N, C-alpha and C. Protein backbone atom coordinates (compact mmCIF):
# COMPACT_ATOMS: atom_id res chain seq x y z
N UNK A 1 0.96 -11.29 9.05
CA UNK A 1 1.74 -10.07 8.96
C UNK A 1 0.78 -8.89 8.95
N UNK A 2 1.03 -7.91 9.78
CA UNK A 2 0.14 -6.76 9.91
C UNK A 2 0.45 -5.70 8.88
N UNK A 3 -0.58 -4.96 8.51
CA UNK A 3 -0.42 -3.85 7.60
C UNK A 3 0.41 -2.75 8.28
N UNK A 4 1.09 -1.97 7.46
CA UNK A 4 1.89 -0.85 7.94
C UNK A 4 1.20 0.42 7.46
N UNK A 5 1.01 1.38 8.36
CA UNK A 5 0.31 2.61 8.02
C UNK A 5 1.27 3.80 8.07
N UNK A 6 1.20 4.62 7.02
CA UNK A 6 1.96 5.87 6.96
C UNK A 6 0.97 7.00 6.77
N UNK A 7 1.31 8.17 7.32
CA UNK A 7 0.46 9.34 7.12
C UNK A 7 1.30 10.52 6.66
N UNK A 8 0.67 11.38 5.87
CA UNK A 8 1.29 12.63 5.44
C UNK A 8 0.16 13.62 5.24
N UNK A 9 0.26 14.75 5.95
CA UNK A 9 -0.79 15.74 5.95
C UNK A 9 -2.10 15.05 6.30
N UNK A 10 -3.11 15.11 5.44
CA UNK A 10 -4.37 14.46 5.77
C UNK A 10 -4.60 13.18 4.96
N UNK A 11 -3.51 12.56 4.53
CA UNK A 11 -3.57 11.31 3.76
C UNK A 11 -3.02 10.15 4.58
N UNK A 12 -3.58 8.97 4.35
CA UNK A 12 -3.12 7.76 5.02
C UNK A 12 -2.90 6.69 3.95
N UNK A 13 -1.76 6.02 4.02
CA UNK A 13 -1.46 4.91 3.12
C UNK A 13 -1.24 3.66 3.96
N UNK A 14 -2.00 2.63 3.67
CA UNK A 14 -1.87 1.36 4.38
C UNK A 14 -1.24 0.34 3.44
N UNK A 15 -0.05 -0.11 3.78
CA UNK A 15 0.68 -1.09 2.97
C UNK A 15 0.46 -2.47 3.56
N UNK A 16 0.12 -3.41 2.69
CA UNK A 16 -0.12 -4.78 3.14
C UNK A 16 0.25 -5.73 2.00
N UNK A 17 0.01 -7.00 2.19
CA UNK A 17 0.33 -7.99 1.16
C UNK A 17 -0.89 -8.86 0.89
N UNK A 18 -0.88 -9.49 -0.27
CA UNK A 18 -1.87 -10.51 -0.57
C UNK A 18 -1.16 -11.72 -1.15
N UNK A 19 -1.65 -12.88 -0.78
CA UNK A 19 -1.09 -14.11 -1.32
C UNK A 19 -1.84 -14.46 -2.59
N UNK A 20 -1.11 -14.71 -3.65
CA UNK A 20 -1.69 -15.04 -4.93
C UNK A 20 -1.93 -16.54 -5.03
N UNK A 21 -2.83 -16.96 -5.92
CA UNK A 21 -3.15 -18.39 -6.03
C UNK A 21 -1.95 -19.29 -6.30
N UNK A 22 -0.91 -18.76 -6.95
CA UNK A 22 0.26 -19.59 -7.26
C UNK A 22 1.26 -19.66 -6.12
N UNK A 23 0.92 -19.08 -4.96
CA UNK A 23 1.80 -19.15 -3.80
C UNK A 23 2.78 -18.01 -3.67
N UNK A 24 2.79 -17.08 -4.63
CA UNK A 24 3.64 -15.90 -4.52
C UNK A 24 2.86 -14.80 -3.80
N UNK A 25 3.51 -13.67 -3.58
CA UNK A 25 2.91 -12.58 -2.83
C UNK A 25 3.01 -11.28 -3.62
N UNK A 26 2.05 -10.39 -3.36
CA UNK A 26 2.07 -9.09 -4.02
C UNK A 26 1.71 -8.03 -3.00
N UNK A 27 2.44 -6.93 -3.05
CA UNK A 27 2.16 -5.81 -2.16
C UNK A 27 0.95 -5.04 -2.65
N UNK A 28 0.21 -4.49 -1.70
CA UNK A 28 -0.98 -3.70 -2.03
C UNK A 28 -1.03 -2.50 -1.07
N UNK A 29 -1.50 -1.36 -1.60
CA UNK A 29 -1.58 -0.14 -0.81
C UNK A 29 -2.96 0.48 -0.97
N UNK A 30 -3.57 0.85 0.14
CA UNK A 30 -4.83 1.57 0.12
C UNK A 30 -4.54 3.00 0.58
N UNK A 31 -4.82 3.95 -0.30
CA UNK A 31 -4.58 5.36 -0.02
C UNK A 31 -5.91 6.03 0.24
N UNK A 32 -6.06 6.65 1.40
CA UNK A 32 -7.32 7.31 1.74
C UNK A 32 -7.05 8.68 2.35
N UNK A 33 -8.02 9.55 2.20
CA UNK A 33 -7.95 10.87 2.81
C UNK A 33 -8.62 10.77 4.18
N UNK A 34 -7.89 11.13 5.21
CA UNK A 34 -8.43 11.03 6.57
C UNK A 34 -9.57 12.02 6.75
N UNK A 35 -10.59 11.59 7.45
CA UNK A 35 -11.73 12.45 7.70
C UNK A 35 -12.78 12.38 6.61
N UNK A 36 -12.51 11.68 5.53
CA UNK A 36 -13.50 11.52 4.48
C UNK A 36 -14.49 10.44 4.88
N UNK A 37 -15.77 10.72 4.74
CA UNK A 37 -16.76 9.69 5.09
C UNK A 37 -16.81 8.60 4.04
N UNK A 38 -16.20 7.50 4.31
CA UNK A 38 -16.19 6.39 3.36
C UNK A 38 -15.24 6.65 2.21
N UNK A 39 -14.58 5.63 1.79
CA UNK A 39 -13.62 5.77 0.70
C UNK A 39 -13.95 4.77 -0.39
N UNK A 40 -13.98 5.27 -1.62
CA UNK A 40 -14.25 4.37 -2.72
C UNK A 40 -12.99 4.13 -3.54
N UNK A 41 -11.84 4.50 -2.99
CA UNK A 41 -10.60 4.29 -3.72
C UNK A 41 -10.22 2.82 -3.71
N UNK A 42 -9.81 2.35 -4.86
CA UNK A 42 -9.42 0.95 -4.99
C UNK A 42 -7.98 0.77 -4.53
N UNK A 43 -7.67 -0.36 -3.92
CA UNK A 43 -6.28 -0.62 -3.53
C UNK A 43 -5.39 -0.65 -4.78
N UNK A 44 -4.18 -0.16 -4.62
CA UNK A 44 -3.21 -0.18 -5.71
C UNK A 44 -2.20 -1.28 -5.43
N UNK A 45 -1.89 -2.05 -6.45
CA UNK A 45 -0.96 -3.16 -6.26
C UNK A 45 0.41 -2.83 -6.83
N UNK A 46 1.40 -3.45 -6.23
CA UNK A 46 2.77 -3.35 -6.71
C UNK A 46 2.84 -4.06 -8.06
N UNK A 47 3.66 -3.57 -8.97
CA UNK A 47 3.75 -4.14 -10.31
C UNK A 47 4.38 -5.52 -10.36
N UNK A 48 5.16 -5.87 -9.35
CA UNK A 48 5.86 -7.17 -9.37
C UNK A 48 5.31 -8.08 -8.29
N UNK A 49 5.62 -9.36 -8.42
CA UNK A 49 5.28 -10.33 -7.39
C UNK A 49 6.57 -10.76 -6.68
N UNK A 50 6.42 -11.24 -5.47
CA UNK A 50 7.57 -11.63 -4.66
C UNK A 50 7.41 -13.07 -4.19
N UNK A 51 8.54 -13.70 -3.92
CA UNK A 51 8.54 -15.07 -3.43
C UNK A 51 8.20 -15.16 -1.94
N UNK A 52 8.46 -14.09 -1.19
CA UNK A 52 8.21 -14.11 0.26
C UNK A 52 7.31 -12.95 0.66
N UNK A 53 6.58 -13.11 1.76
CA UNK A 53 5.74 -12.01 2.23
C UNK A 53 6.56 -10.80 2.66
N UNK A 54 7.76 -11.03 3.17
CA UNK A 54 8.61 -9.92 3.60
C UNK A 54 9.01 -9.04 2.42
N UNK A 55 9.38 -9.67 1.31
CA UNK A 55 9.73 -8.90 0.11
C UNK A 55 8.53 -8.12 -0.42
N UNK A 56 7.37 -8.76 -0.42
CA UNK A 56 6.16 -8.10 -0.90
C UNK A 56 5.81 -6.90 -0.03
N UNK A 57 5.99 -7.03 1.28
CA UNK A 57 5.69 -5.91 2.17
C UNK A 57 6.67 -4.76 1.94
N UNK A 58 7.93 -5.06 1.72
CA UNK A 58 8.91 -4.00 1.42
C UNK A 58 8.51 -3.24 0.15
N UNK A 59 8.06 -3.97 -0.86
CA UNK A 59 7.61 -3.34 -2.11
C UNK A 59 6.38 -2.47 -1.85
N UNK A 60 5.46 -2.96 -1.02
CA UNK A 60 4.26 -2.20 -0.70
C UNK A 60 4.60 -0.93 0.07
N UNK A 61 5.55 -1.03 0.98
CA UNK A 61 5.96 0.16 1.75
C UNK A 61 6.57 1.20 0.82
N UNK A 62 7.38 0.77 -0.14
CA UNK A 62 7.97 1.71 -1.09
C UNK A 62 6.89 2.38 -1.93
N UNK A 63 5.89 1.61 -2.36
CA UNK A 63 4.79 2.19 -3.13
C UNK A 63 4.01 3.19 -2.28
N UNK A 64 3.78 2.87 -1.03
CA UNK A 64 3.06 3.78 -0.13
C UNK A 64 3.79 5.11 -0.02
N UNK A 65 5.10 5.07 0.11
CA UNK A 65 5.89 6.31 0.20
C UNK A 65 5.78 7.12 -1.09
N UNK A 66 5.83 6.45 -2.25
CA UNK A 66 5.71 7.15 -3.53
C UNK A 66 4.32 7.79 -3.67
N UNK A 67 3.29 7.07 -3.30
CA UNK A 67 1.93 7.61 -3.40
C UNK A 67 1.74 8.82 -2.49
N UNK A 68 2.25 8.74 -1.29
CA UNK A 68 2.14 9.88 -0.37
C UNK A 68 2.94 11.08 -0.87
N UNK A 69 4.07 10.83 -1.48
CA UNK A 69 4.87 11.94 -2.03
C UNK A 69 4.09 12.63 -3.15
N UNK A 70 3.38 11.85 -3.95
CA UNK A 70 2.61 12.41 -5.06
C UNK A 70 1.43 13.27 -4.55
N UNK A 71 0.66 12.76 -3.59
CA UNK A 71 -0.50 13.50 -3.12
C UNK A 71 -0.11 14.65 -2.19
N UNK A 72 1.02 14.51 -1.52
CA UNK A 72 1.46 15.54 -0.59
C UNK A 72 2.21 16.68 -1.23
N UNK A 73 2.35 16.63 -2.53
CA UNK A 73 3.04 17.71 -3.22
C UNK A 73 4.54 17.57 -3.18
N UNK A 74 5.03 16.32 -2.98
CA UNK A 74 6.47 16.09 -3.04
C UNK A 74 7.10 16.04 -1.77
């Protein structure tokens, strides 16, 4: 499953999933400022785990939208 990328102003949020050792999935989002040389920002994970990769990706996409709303000033 490919990552989904959203942009707002000069910010980019990449939503993806990771498979956990117990076989469940968790959404993860990497938020970066475009044009910045190298990013040291850590990926942010969704607070819940999901049984399917599709559910985890939906959660990651929702988190990406919230993060972009916060950095973009609403």
